[in-house]
mmCIF file of all heavy atoms, coordinates in Angstrom:
data_MODEL
# 
_entry.id   MODEL 
# 
loop_
_atom_site.group_PDB 
_atom_site.id 
_atom_site.type_symbol 
_atom_site.label_atom_id 
_atom_site.label_alt_id 
_atom_site.label_comp_id 
_atom_site.label_asym_id 
_atom_site.label_entity_id 
_atom_site.label_seq_id 
_atom_site.pdbx_PDB_ins_code 
_atom_site.Cartn_x 
_atom_site.Cartn_y 
_atom_site.Cartn_z 
_atom_site.occupancy 
_atom_site.B_iso_or_equiv 
_atom_site.pdbx_formal_charge 
_atom_site.auth_seq_id 
_atom_site.auth_comp_id 
_atom_site.auth_asym_id 
_atom_site.auth_atom_id 
_atom_site.pdbx_PDB_model_num 
ATOM 1   N N   . LYS A 1 1  ? -6.305 0.880   -20.493 1.00 0.00 ? 1  LYS A N   1 
ATOM 2   C CA  . LYS A 1 1  ? -5.383 1.893   -20.997 1.00 0.00 ? 1  LYS A CA  1 
ATOM 3   C C   . LYS A 1 1  ? -5.405 3.165   -20.175 1.00 0.00 ? 1  LYS A C   1 
ATOM 4   O O   . LYS A 1 1  ? -4.761 4.170   -20.509 1.00 0.00 ? 1  LYS A O   1 
ATOM 5   C CB  . LYS A 1 1  ? -5.717 2.225   -22.453 1.00 0.00 ? 1  LYS A CB  1 
ATOM 6   C CG  . LYS A 1 1  ? -5.480 1.045   -23.372 1.00 0.00 ? 1  LYS A CG  1 
ATOM 7   C CD  . LYS A 1 1  ? -5.761 1.406   -24.821 1.00 0.00 ? 1  LYS A CD  1 
ATOM 8   C CE  . LYS A 1 1  ? -5.506 0.173   -25.674 1.00 0.00 ? 1  LYS A CE  1 
ATOM 9   N NZ  . LYS A 1 1  ? -5.656 0.471   -27.104 1.00 0.00 ? 1  LYS A NZ  1 
ATOM 10  N N   . ASP A 1 2  ? -6.164 3.173   -19.072 1.00 0.00 ? 2  ASP A N   1 
ATOM 11  C CA  . ASP A 1 2  ? -6.238 4.349   -18.222 1.00 0.00 ? 2  ASP A CA  1 
ATOM 12  C C   . ASP A 1 2  ? -4.939 4.537   -17.428 1.00 0.00 ? 2  ASP A C   1 
ATOM 13  O O   . ASP A 1 2  ? -4.216 3.563   -17.158 1.00 0.00 ? 2  ASP A O   1 
ATOM 14  C CB  . ASP A 1 2  ? -7.406 4.212   -17.218 1.00 0.00 ? 2  ASP A CB  1 
ATOM 15  C CG  . ASP A 1 2  ? -8.750 4.287   -17.918 1.00 0.00 ? 2  ASP A CG  1 
ATOM 16  O OD1 . ASP A 1 2  ? -8.840 4.888   -19.008 1.00 0.00 ? 2  ASP A OD1 1 
ATOM 17  O OD2 . ASP A 1 2  ? -9.716 3.707   -17.375 1.00 0.00 ? 2  ASP A OD2 1 
ATOM 18  N N   . ASP A 1 3  ? -4.691 5.784   -17.038 1.00 0.00 ? 3  ASP A N   1 
ATOM 19  C CA  . ASP A 1 3  ? -3.538 6.078   -16.178 1.00 0.00 ? 3  ASP A CA  1 
ATOM 20  C C   . ASP A 1 3  ? -3.821 5.581   -14.769 1.00 0.00 ? 3  ASP A C   1 
ATOM 21  O O   . ASP A 1 3  ? -4.972 5.530   -14.343 1.00 0.00 ? 3  ASP A O   1 
ATOM 22  C CB  . ASP A 1 3  ? -3.272 7.581   -16.151 1.00 0.00 ? 3  ASP A CB  1 
ATOM 23  C CG  . ASP A 1 3  ? -2.790 8.135   -17.463 1.00 0.00 ? 3  ASP A CG  1 
ATOM 24  O OD1 . ASP A 1 3  ? -2.182 7.363   -18.240 1.00 0.00 ? 3  ASP A OD1 1 
ATOM 25  O OD2 . ASP A 1 3  ? -2.997 9.331   -17.708 1.00 0.00 ? 3  ASP A OD2 1 
ATOM 26  N N   . TRP A 1 4  ? -2.775 5.237   -14.057 1.00 0.00 ? 4  TRP A N   1 
ATOM 27  C CA  . TRP A 1 4  ? -2.902 4.789   -12.675 1.00 0.00 ? 4  TRP A CA  1 
ATOM 28  C C   . TRP A 1 4  ? -1.631 5.151   -11.920 1.00 0.00 ? 4  TRP A C   1 
ATOM 29  O O   . TRP A 1 4  ? -0.591 5.441   -12.525 1.00 0.00 ? 4  TRP A O   1 
ATOM 30  C CB  . TRP A 1 4  ? -3.166 3.292   -12.575 1.00 0.00 ? 4  TRP A CB  1 
ATOM 31  C CG  . TRP A 1 4  ? -2.073 2.445   -13.156 1.00 0.00 ? 4  TRP A CG  1 
ATOM 32  C CD1 . TRP A 1 4  ? -1.916 2.109   -14.465 1.00 0.00 ? 4  TRP A CD1 1 
ATOM 33  C CD2 . TRP A 1 4  ? -0.951 1.922   -12.478 1.00 0.00 ? 4  TRP A CD2 1 
ATOM 34  N NE1 . TRP A 1 4  ? -0.771 1.372   -14.642 1.00 0.00 ? 4  TRP A NE1 1 
ATOM 35  C CE2 . TRP A 1 4  ? -0.154 1.230   -13.422 1.00 0.00 ? 4  TRP A CE2 1 
ATOM 36  C CE3 . TRP A 1 4  ? -0.535 1.933   -11.153 1.00 0.00 ? 4  TRP A CE3 1 
ATOM 37  C CZ2 . TRP A 1 4  ? 1.035  0.583   -13.078 1.00 0.00 ? 4  TRP A CZ2 1 
ATOM 38  C CZ3 . TRP A 1 4  ? 0.659  1.278   -10.813 1.00 0.00 ? 4  TRP A CZ3 1 
ATOM 39  C CH2 . TRP A 1 4  ? 1.400  0.616   -11.767 1.00 0.00 ? 4  TRP A CH2 1 
ATOM 40  N N   . LYS A 1 5  ? -1.706 5.174   -10.609 1.00 0.00 ? 5  LYS A N   1 
ATOM 41  C CA  . LYS A 1 5  ? -0.530 5.416   -9.785  1.00 0.00 ? 5  LYS A CA  1 
ATOM 42  C C   . LYS A 1 5  ? -0.716 4.739   -8.452  1.00 0.00 ? 5  LYS A C   1 
ATOM 43  O O   . LYS A 1 5  ? -1.846 4.518   -7.999  1.00 0.00 ? 5  LYS A O   1 
ATOM 44  C CB  . LYS A 1 5  ? -0.251 6.892   -9.588  1.00 0.00 ? 5  LYS A CB  1 
ATOM 45  C CG  . LYS A 1 5  ? -1.226 7.625   -8.701  1.00 0.00 ? 5  LYS A CG  1 
ATOM 46  C CD  . LYS A 1 5  ? -0.804 9.065   -8.465  1.00 0.00 ? 5  LYS A CD  1 
ATOM 47  C CE  . LYS A 1 5  ? -1.722 9.668   -7.416  1.00 0.00 ? 5  LYS A CE  1 
ATOM 48  N NZ  . LYS A 1 5  ? -1.228 10.942  -6.942  1.00 0.00 ? 5  LYS A NZ  1 
ATOM 49  N N   . ILE A 1 6  ? 0.376  4.406   -7.826  1.00 0.00 ? 6  ILE A N   1 
ATOM 50  C CA  . ILE A 1 6  ? 0.353  3.848   -6.470  1.00 0.00 ? 6  ILE A CA  1 
ATOM 51  C C   . ILE A 1 6  ? 0.241  5.028   -5.514  1.00 0.00 ? 6  ILE A C   1 
ATOM 52  O O   . ILE A 1 6  ? 0.987  5.984   -5.613  1.00 0.00 ? 6  ILE A O   1 
ATOM 53  C CB  . ILE A 1 6  ? 1.620  3.023   -6.202  1.00 0.00 ? 6  ILE A CB  1 
ATOM 54  C CG1 . ILE A 1 6  ? 1.631  1.799   -7.114  1.00 0.00 ? 6  ILE A CG1 1 
ATOM 55  C CG2 . ILE A 1 6  ? 1.679  2.614   -4.720  1.00 0.00 ? 6  ILE A CG2 1 
ATOM 56  C CD1 . ILE A 1 6  ? 2.932  0.993   -7.053  1.00 0.00 ? 6  ILE A CD1 1 
ATOM 57  N N   . ASN A 1 7  ? -0.701 4.964   -4.589  1.00 0.00 ? 7  ASN A N   1 
ATOM 58  C CA  . ASN A 1 7  ? -0.926 6.028   -3.643  1.00 0.00 ? 7  ASN A CA  1 
ATOM 59  C C   . ASN A 1 7  ? -0.784 5.500   -2.223  1.00 0.00 ? 7  ASN A C   1 
ATOM 60  O O   . ASN A 1 7  ? -1.732 4.937   -1.681  1.00 0.00 ? 7  ASN A O   1 
ATOM 61  C CB  . ASN A 1 7  ? -2.332 6.617   -3.873  1.00 0.00 ? 7  ASN A CB  1 
ATOM 62  C CG  . ASN A 1 7  ? -2.603 7.792   -2.974  1.00 0.00 ? 7  ASN A CG  1 
ATOM 63  O OD1 . ASN A 1 7  ? -1.803 8.133   -2.112  1.00 0.00 ? 7  ASN A OD1 1 
ATOM 64  N ND2 . ASN A 1 7  ? -3.743 8.419   -3.131  1.00 0.00 ? 7  ASN A ND2 1 
ATOM 65  N N   . ASN A 1 8  ? 0.368  5.683   -1.679  1.00 0.00 ? 8  ASN A N   1 
ATOM 66  C CA  . ASN A 1 8  ? 0.639  5.264   -0.294  1.00 0.00 ? 8  ASN A CA  1 
ATOM 67  C C   . ASN A 1 8  ? 0.715  6.494   0.600   1.00 0.00 ? 8  ASN A C   1 
ATOM 68  O O   . ASN A 1 8  ? 1.611  6.616   1.432   1.00 0.00 ? 8  ASN A O   1 
ATOM 69  C CB  . ASN A 1 8  ? 1.917  4.440   -0.211  1.00 0.00 ? 8  ASN A CB  1 
ATOM 70  C CG  . ASN A 1 8  ? 1.784  3.113   -0.941  1.00 0.00 ? 8  ASN A CG  1 
ATOM 71  O OD1 . ASN A 1 8  ? 0.684  2.555   -1.049  1.00 0.00 ? 8  ASN A OD1 1 
ATOM 72  N ND2 . ASN A 1 8  ? 2.869  2.638   -1.475  1.00 0.00 ? 8  ASN A ND2 1 
ATOM 73  N N   . ILE A 1 9  ? -0.236 7.390   0.427   1.00 0.00 ? 9  ILE A N   1 
ATOM 74  C CA  . ILE A 1 9  ? -0.212 8.673   1.107   1.00 0.00 ? 9  ILE A CA  1 
ATOM 75  C C   . ILE A 1 9  ? -0.270 8.541   2.629   1.00 0.00 ? 9  ILE A C   1 
ATOM 76  O O   . ILE A 1 9  ? 0.177  9.440   3.360   1.00 0.00 ? 9  ILE A O   1 
ATOM 77  C CB  . ILE A 1 9  ? -1.335 9.602   0.570   1.00 0.00 ? 9  ILE A CB  1 
ATOM 78  C CG1 . ILE A 1 9  ? -1.052 11.035  0.943   1.00 0.00 ? 9  ILE A CG1 1 
ATOM 79  C CG2 . ILE A 1 9  ? -2.703 9.149   1.045   1.00 0.00 ? 9  ILE A CG2 1 
ATOM 80  C CD1 . ILE A 1 9  ? -1.905 12.028  0.193   1.00 0.00 ? 9  ILE A CD1 1 
ATOM 81  N N   . LEU A 1 10 ? -0.805 7.449   3.136   1.00 0.00 ? 10 LEU A N   1 
ATOM 82  C CA  . LEU A 1 10 ? -0.926 7.288   4.586   1.00 0.00 ? 10 LEU A CA  1 
ATOM 83  C C   . LEU A 1 10 ? 0.322  6.681   5.221   1.00 0.00 ? 10 LEU A C   1 
ATOM 84  O O   . LEU A 1 10 ? 0.340  6.430   6.440   1.00 0.00 ? 10 LEU A O   1 
ATOM 85  C CB  . LEU A 1 10 ? -2.159 6.431   4.914   1.00 0.00 ? 10 LEU A CB  1 
ATOM 86  C CG  . LEU A 1 10 ? -3.503 7.066   4.539   1.00 0.00 ? 10 LEU A CG  1 
ATOM 87  C CD1 . LEU A 1 10 ? -4.641 6.093   4.826   1.00 0.00 ? 10 LEU A CD1 1 
ATOM 88  C CD2 . LEU A 1 10 ? -3.706 8.369   5.248   1.00 0.00 ? 10 LEU A CD2 1 
ATOM 89  N N   . ASP A 1 11 ? 1.371  6.435   4.439   1.00 0.00 ? 11 ASP A N   1 
ATOM 90  C CA  . ASP A 1 11 ? 2.600  5.882   4.986   1.00 0.00 ? 11 ASP A CA  1 
ATOM 91  C C   . ASP A 1 11 ? 3.238  6.781   6.053   1.00 0.00 ? 11 ASP A C   1 
ATOM 92  O O   . ASP A 1 11 ? 3.957  6.301   6.940   1.00 0.00 ? 11 ASP A O   1 
ATOM 93  C CB  . ASP A 1 11 ? 3.625  5.607   3.895   1.00 0.00 ? 11 ASP A CB  1 
ATOM 94  C CG  . ASP A 1 11 ? 3.348  4.328   3.115   1.00 0.00 ? 11 ASP A CG  1 
ATOM 95  O OD1 . ASP A 1 11 ? 2.341  3.659   3.396   1.00 0.00 ? 11 ASP A OD1 1 
ATOM 96  O OD2 . ASP A 1 11 ? 4.161  4.000   2.232   1.00 0.00 ? 11 ASP A OD2 1 
ATOM 97  N N   . ASP A 1 12 ? 2.994  8.088   5.976   1.00 0.00 ? 12 ASP A N   1 
ATOM 98  C CA  . ASP A 1 12 ? 3.508  8.996   6.979   1.00 0.00 ? 12 ASP A CA  1 
ATOM 99  C C   . ASP A 1 12 ? 2.690  8.944   8.267   1.00 0.00 ? 12 ASP A C   1 
ATOM 100 O O   . ASP A 1 12 ? 3.172  9.335   9.335   1.00 0.00 ? 12 ASP A O   1 
ATOM 101 C CB  . ASP A 1 12 ? 3.537  10.441  6.455   1.00 0.00 ? 12 ASP A CB  1 
ATOM 102 C CG  . ASP A 1 12 ? 4.546  10.618  5.341   1.00 0.00 ? 12 ASP A CG  1 
ATOM 103 O OD1 . ASP A 1 12 ? 5.514  9.846   5.275   1.00 0.00 ? 12 ASP A OD1 1 
ATOM 104 O OD2 . ASP A 1 12 ? 4.368  11.558  4.537   1.00 0.00 ? 12 ASP A OD2 1 
ATOM 105 N N   . LYS A 1 13 ? 1.477  8.476   8.165   1.00 0.00 ? 13 LYS A N   1 
ATOM 106 C CA  . LYS A 1 13 ? 0.559  8.400   9.306   1.00 0.00 ? 13 LYS A CA  1 
ATOM 107 C C   . LYS A 1 13 ? 0.605  7.039   9.991   1.00 0.00 ? 13 LYS A C   1 
ATOM 108 O O   . LYS A 1 13 ? 0.524  6.948   11.214  1.00 0.00 ? 13 LYS A O   1 
ATOM 109 C CB  . LYS A 1 13 ? -0.860 8.704   8.851   1.00 0.00 ? 13 LYS A CB  1 
ATOM 110 C CG  . LYS A 1 13 ? -1.890 8.846   9.934   1.00 0.00 ? 13 LYS A CG  1 
ATOM 111 C CD  . LYS A 1 13 ? -3.238 9.275   9.354   1.00 0.00 ? 13 LYS A CD  1 
ATOM 112 C CE  . LYS A 1 13 ? -4.290 9.425   10.416  1.00 0.00 ? 13 LYS A CE  1 
ATOM 113 N NZ  . LYS A 1 13 ? -5.587 9.819   9.836   1.00 0.00 ? 13 LYS A NZ  1 
ATOM 114 N N   . TYR A 1 14 ? 0.691  5.968   9.205   1.00 0.00 ? 14 TYR A N   1 
ATOM 115 C CA  . TYR A 1 14 ? 0.681  4.598   9.719   1.00 0.00 ? 14 TYR A CA  1 
ATOM 116 C C   . TYR A 1 14 ? 1.851  3.823   9.145   1.00 0.00 ? 14 TYR A C   1 
ATOM 117 O O   . TYR A 1 14 ? 2.300  4.101   8.040   1.00 0.00 ? 14 TYR A O   1 
ATOM 118 C CB  . TYR A 1 14 ? -0.616 3.862   9.338   1.00 0.00 ? 14 TYR A CB  1 
ATOM 119 C CG  . TYR A 1 14 ? -1.879 4.576   9.708   1.00 0.00 ? 14 TYR A CG  1 
ATOM 120 C CD1 . TYR A 1 14 ? -2.793 4.975   8.756   1.00 0.00 ? 14 TYR A CD1 1 
ATOM 121 C CD2 . TYR A 1 14 ? -2.188 4.831   11.054  1.00 0.00 ? 14 TYR A CD2 1 
ATOM 122 C CE1 . TYR A 1 14 ? -3.979 5.610   9.092   1.00 0.00 ? 14 TYR A CE1 1 
ATOM 123 C CE2 . TYR A 1 14 ? -3.386 5.457   11.403  1.00 0.00 ? 14 TYR A CE2 1 
ATOM 124 C CZ  . TYR A 1 14 ? -4.269 5.844   10.427  1.00 0.00 ? 14 TYR A CZ  1 
ATOM 125 O OH  . TYR A 1 14 ? -5.435 6.479   10.757  1.00 0.00 ? 14 TYR A OH  1 
ATOM 126 N N   . SER A 1 15 ? 2.267  2.817   9.872   1.00 0.00 ? 15 SER A N   1 
ATOM 127 C CA  . SER A 1 15 ? 3.316  1.919   9.356   1.00 0.00 ? 15 SER A CA  1 
ATOM 128 C C   . SER A 1 15 ? 2.676  0.846   8.505   1.00 0.00 ? 15 SER A C   1 
ATOM 129 O O   . SER A 1 15 ? 1.738  0.175   8.947   1.00 0.00 ? 15 SER A O   1 
ATOM 130 C CB  . SER A 1 15 ? 4.065  1.238   10.505  1.00 0.00 ? 15 SER A CB  1 
ATOM 131 O OG  . SER A 1 15 ? 4.740  2.191   11.279  1.00 0.00 ? 15 SER A OG  1 
ATOM 132 N N   . PRO A 1 16 ? 3.147  0.679   7.275   1.00 0.00 ? 16 PRO A N   1 
ATOM 133 C CA  . PRO A 1 16 ? 2.623  -0.399  6.424   1.00 0.00 ? 16 PRO A CA  1 
ATOM 134 C C   . PRO A 1 16 ? 2.908  -1.770  7.016   1.00 0.00 ? 16 PRO A C   1 
ATOM 135 O O   . PRO A 1 16 ? 3.963  -1.975  7.634   1.00 0.00 ? 16 PRO A O   1 
ATOM 136 C CB  . PRO A 1 16 ? 3.363  -0.218  5.102   1.00 0.00 ? 16 PRO A CB  1 
ATOM 137 C CG  . PRO A 1 16 ? 3.932  1.151   5.136   1.00 0.00 ? 16 PRO A CG  1 
ATOM 138 C CD  . PRO A 1 16 ? 4.145  1.482   6.575   1.00 0.00 ? 16 PRO A CD  1 
ATOM 139 N N   . ARG A 1 17 ? 1.982  -2.677  6.850   1.00 0.00 ? 17 ARG A N   1 
ATOM 140 C CA  . ARG A 1 17 ? 2.199  -4.064  7.293   1.00 0.00 ? 17 ARG A CA  1 
ATOM 141 C C   . ARG A 1 17 ? 3.189  -4.720  6.329   1.00 0.00 ? 17 ARG A C   1 
ATOM 142 O O   . ARG A 1 17 ? 3.311  -4.299  5.172   1.00 0.00 ? 17 ARG A O   1 
ATOM 143 C CB  . ARG A 1 17 ? 0.871  -4.803  7.278   1.00 0.00 ? 17 ARG A CB  1 
ATOM 144 C CG  . ARG A 1 17 ? -0.132 -4.222  8.258   1.00 0.00 ? 17 ARG A CG  1 
ATOM 145 C CD  . ARG A 1 17 ? -1.532 -4.794  8.111   1.00 0.00 ? 17 ARG A CD  1 
ATOM 146 N NE  . ARG A 1 17 ? -1.527 -6.245  8.223   1.00 0.00 ? 17 ARG A NE  1 
ATOM 147 C CZ  . ARG A 1 17 ? -2.318 -7.058  7.544   1.00 0.00 ? 17 ARG A CZ  1 
ATOM 148 N NH1 . ARG A 1 17 ? -3.189 -6.585  6.680   1.00 0.00 ? 17 ARG A NH1 1 
ATOM 149 N NH2 . ARG A 1 17 ? -2.258 -8.354  7.708   1.00 0.00 ? 17 ARG A NH2 1 
ATOM 150 N N   . PRO A 1 18 ? 3.848  -5.777  6.741   1.00 0.00 ? 18 PRO A N   1 
ATOM 151 C CA  . PRO A 1 18 ? 4.732  -6.514  5.835   1.00 0.00 ? 18 PRO A CA  1 
ATOM 152 C C   . PRO A 1 18 ? 3.945  -7.052  4.647   1.00 0.00 ? 18 PRO A C   1 
ATOM 153 O O   . PRO A 1 18 ? 2.801  -7.463  4.774   1.00 0.00 ? 18 PRO A O   1 
ATOM 154 C CB  . PRO A 1 18 ? 5.272  -7.655  6.706   1.00 0.00 ? 18 PRO A CB  1 
ATOM 155 C CG  . PRO A 1 18 ? 5.128  -7.180  8.124   1.00 0.00 ? 18 PRO A CG  1 
ATOM 156 C CD  . PRO A 1 18 ? 3.879  -6.303  8.110   1.00 0.00 ? 18 PRO A CD  1 
ATOM 157 N N   . ALA A 1 19 ? 4.583  -7.023  3.466   1.00 0.00 ? 19 ALA A N   1 
ATOM 158 C CA  . ALA A 1 19 ? 3.935  -7.472  2.232   1.00 0.00 ? 19 ALA A CA  1 
ATOM 159 C C   . ALA A 1 19 ? 3.352  -8.874  2.355   1.00 0.00 ? 19 ALA A C   1 
ATOM 160 O O   . ALA A 1 19 ? 2.240  -9.131  1.869   1.00 0.00 ? 19 ALA A O   1 
ATOM 161 C CB  . ALA A 1 19 ? 4.939  -7.390  1.067   1.00 0.00 ? 19 ALA A CB  1 
ATOM 162 N N   . LYS A 1 20 ? 4.072  -9.787  3.007   1.00 0.00 ? 20 LYS A N   1 
ATOM 163 C CA  . LYS A 1 20 ? 3.554  -11.160 3.143   1.00 0.00 ? 20 LYS A CA  1 
ATOM 164 C C   . LYS A 1 20 ? 2.260  -11.186 3.931   1.00 0.00 ? 20 LYS A C   1 
ATOM 165 O O   . LYS A 1 20 ? 1.351  -11.977 3.657   1.00 0.00 ? 20 LYS A O   1 
ATOM 166 C CB  . LYS A 1 20 ? 4.620  -12.094 3.732   1.00 0.00 ? 20 LYS A CB  1 
ATOM 167 C CG  . LYS A 1 20 ? 5.039  -11.781 5.136   1.00 0.00 ? 20 LYS A CG  1 
ATOM 168 C CD  . LYS A 1 20 ? 6.081  -12.788 5.641   1.00 0.00 ? 20 LYS A CD  1 
ATOM 169 C CE  . LYS A 1 20 ? 6.575  -12.484 7.025   1.00 0.00 ? 20 LYS A CE  1 
ATOM 170 N NZ  . LYS A 1 20 ? 5.606  -12.471 8.053   1.00 0.00 ? 20 LYS A NZ  1 
ATOM 171 N N   . ASP A 1 21 ? 2.117  -10.306 4.940   1.00 0.00 ? 21 ASP A N   1 
ATOM 172 C CA  . ASP A 1 21 ? 0.901  -10.254 5.739   1.00 0.00 ? 21 ASP A CA  1 
ATOM 173 C C   . ASP A 1 21 ? -0.265 -9.675  4.937   1.00 0.00 ? 21 ASP A C   1 
ATOM 174 O O   . ASP A 1 21 ? -1.403 -10.146 5.034   1.00 0.00 ? 21 ASP A O   1 
ATOM 175 C CB  . ASP A 1 21 ? 1.105  -9.432  7.008   1.00 0.00 ? 21 ASP A CB  1 
ATOM 176 C CG  . ASP A 1 21 ? 2.082  -10.067 7.985   1.00 0.00 ? 21 ASP A CG  1 
ATOM 177 O OD1 . ASP A 1 21 ? 2.396  -11.272 7.821   1.00 0.00 ? 21 ASP A OD1 1 
ATOM 178 O OD2 . ASP A 1 21 ? 2.551  -9.380  8.913   1.00 0.00 ? 21 ASP A OD2 1 
ATOM 179 N N   . ILE A 1 22 ? 0.051  -8.658  4.132   1.00 0.00 ? 22 ILE A N   1 
ATOM 180 C CA  . ILE A 1 22 ? -0.972 -8.051  3.261   1.00 0.00 ? 22 ILE A CA  1 
ATOM 181 C C   . ILE A 1 22 ? -1.485 -9.104  2.286   1.00 0.00 ? 22 ILE A C   1 
ATOM 182 O O   . ILE A 1 22 ? -2.708 -9.283  2.121   1.00 0.00 ? 22 ILE A O   1 
ATOM 183 C CB  . ILE A 1 22 ? -0.413 -6.849  2.507   1.00 0.00 ? 22 ILE A CB  1 
ATOM 184 C CG1 . ILE A 1 22 ? -0.025 -5.722  3.491   1.00 0.00 ? 22 ILE A CG1 1 
ATOM 185 C CG2 . ILE A 1 22 ? -1.431 -6.331  1.479   1.00 0.00 ? 22 ILE A CG2 1 
ATOM 186 C CD1 . ILE A 1 22 ? 0.768  -4.599  2.870   1.00 0.00 ? 22 ILE A CD1 1 
ATOM 187 N N   . LEU A 1 23 ? -0.565 -9.798  1.610   1.00 0.00 ? 23 LEU A N   1 
ATOM 188 C CA  . LEU A 1 23 ? -0.937 -10.826 0.654   1.00 0.00 ? 23 LEU A CA  1 
ATOM 189 C C   . LEU A 1 23 ? -1.756 -11.945 1.274   1.00 0.00 ? 23 LEU A C   1 
ATOM 190 O O   . LEU A 1 23 ? -2.737 -12.428 0.710   1.00 0.00 ? 23 LEU A O   1 
ATOM 191 C CB  . LEU A 1 23 ? 0.277  -11.372 -0.065  1.00 0.00 ? 23 LEU A CB  1 
ATOM 192 C CG  . LEU A 1 23 ? 1.009  -10.405 -0.978  1.00 0.00 ? 23 LEU A CG  1 
ATOM 193 C CD1 . LEU A 1 23 ? 2.341  -10.970 -1.441  1.00 0.00 ? 23 LEU A CD1 1 
ATOM 194 C CD2 . LEU A 1 23 ? 0.135  -10.026 -2.171  1.00 0.00 ? 23 LEU A CD2 1 
ATOM 195 N N   . ARG A 1 24 ? -1.378 -12.354 2.466   1.00 0.00 ? 24 ARG A N   1 
ATOM 196 C CA  . ARG A 1 24 ? -2.088 -13.425 3.170   1.00 0.00 ? 24 ARG A CA  1 
ATOM 197 C C   . ARG A 1 24 ? -3.495 -12.975 3.530   1.00 0.00 ? 24 ARG A C   1 
ATOM 198 O O   . ARG A 1 24 ? -4.473 -13.683 3.297   1.00 0.00 ? 24 ARG A O   1 
ATOM 199 C CB  . ARG A 1 24 ? -1.319 -13.865 4.408   1.00 0.00 ? 24 ARG A CB  1 
ATOM 200 C CG  . ARG A 1 24 ? -1.954 -15.070 5.110   1.00 0.00 ? 24 ARG A CG  1 
ATOM 201 C CD  . ARG A 1 24 ? -1.173 -15.614 6.323   1.00 0.00 ? 24 ARG A CD  1 
ATOM 202 N NE  . ARG A 1 24 ? -0.426 -14.627 7.101   1.00 0.00 ? 24 ARG A NE  1 
ATOM 203 C CZ  . ARG A 1 24 ? 0.904  -14.547 7.139   1.00 0.00 ? 24 ARG A CZ  1 
ATOM 204 N NH1 . ARG A 1 24 ? 1.648  -15.382 6.440   1.00 0.00 ? 24 ARG A NH1 1 
ATOM 205 N NH2 . ARG A 1 24 ? 1.504  -13.649 7.867   1.00 0.00 ? 24 ARG A NH2 1 
ATOM 206 N N   . SER A 1 25 ? -3.611 -11.775 4.093   1.00 0.00 ? 25 SER A N   1 
ATOM 207 C CA  . SER A 1 25 ? -4.947 -11.257 4.474   1.00 0.00 ? 25 SER A CA  1 
ATOM 208 C C   . SER A 1 25 ? -5.855 -11.068 3.273   1.00 0.00 ? 25 SER A C   1 
ATOM 209 O O   . SER A 1 25 ? -7.016 -11.508 3.279   1.00 0.00 ? 25 SER A O   1 
ATOM 210 C CB  . SER A 1 25 ? -4.802 -9.899  5.196   1.00 0.00 ? 25 SER A CB  1 
ATOM 211 O OG  . SER A 1 25 ? -4.127 -10.041 6.416   1.00 0.00 ? 25 SER A OG  1 
# 
């Protein structure tokens, strides 16, 4: 029941990998 949030704060610094690559890794 705790609060949560998605934190992609480094998206401005690095390019995110494709979702399929993240899931596979």
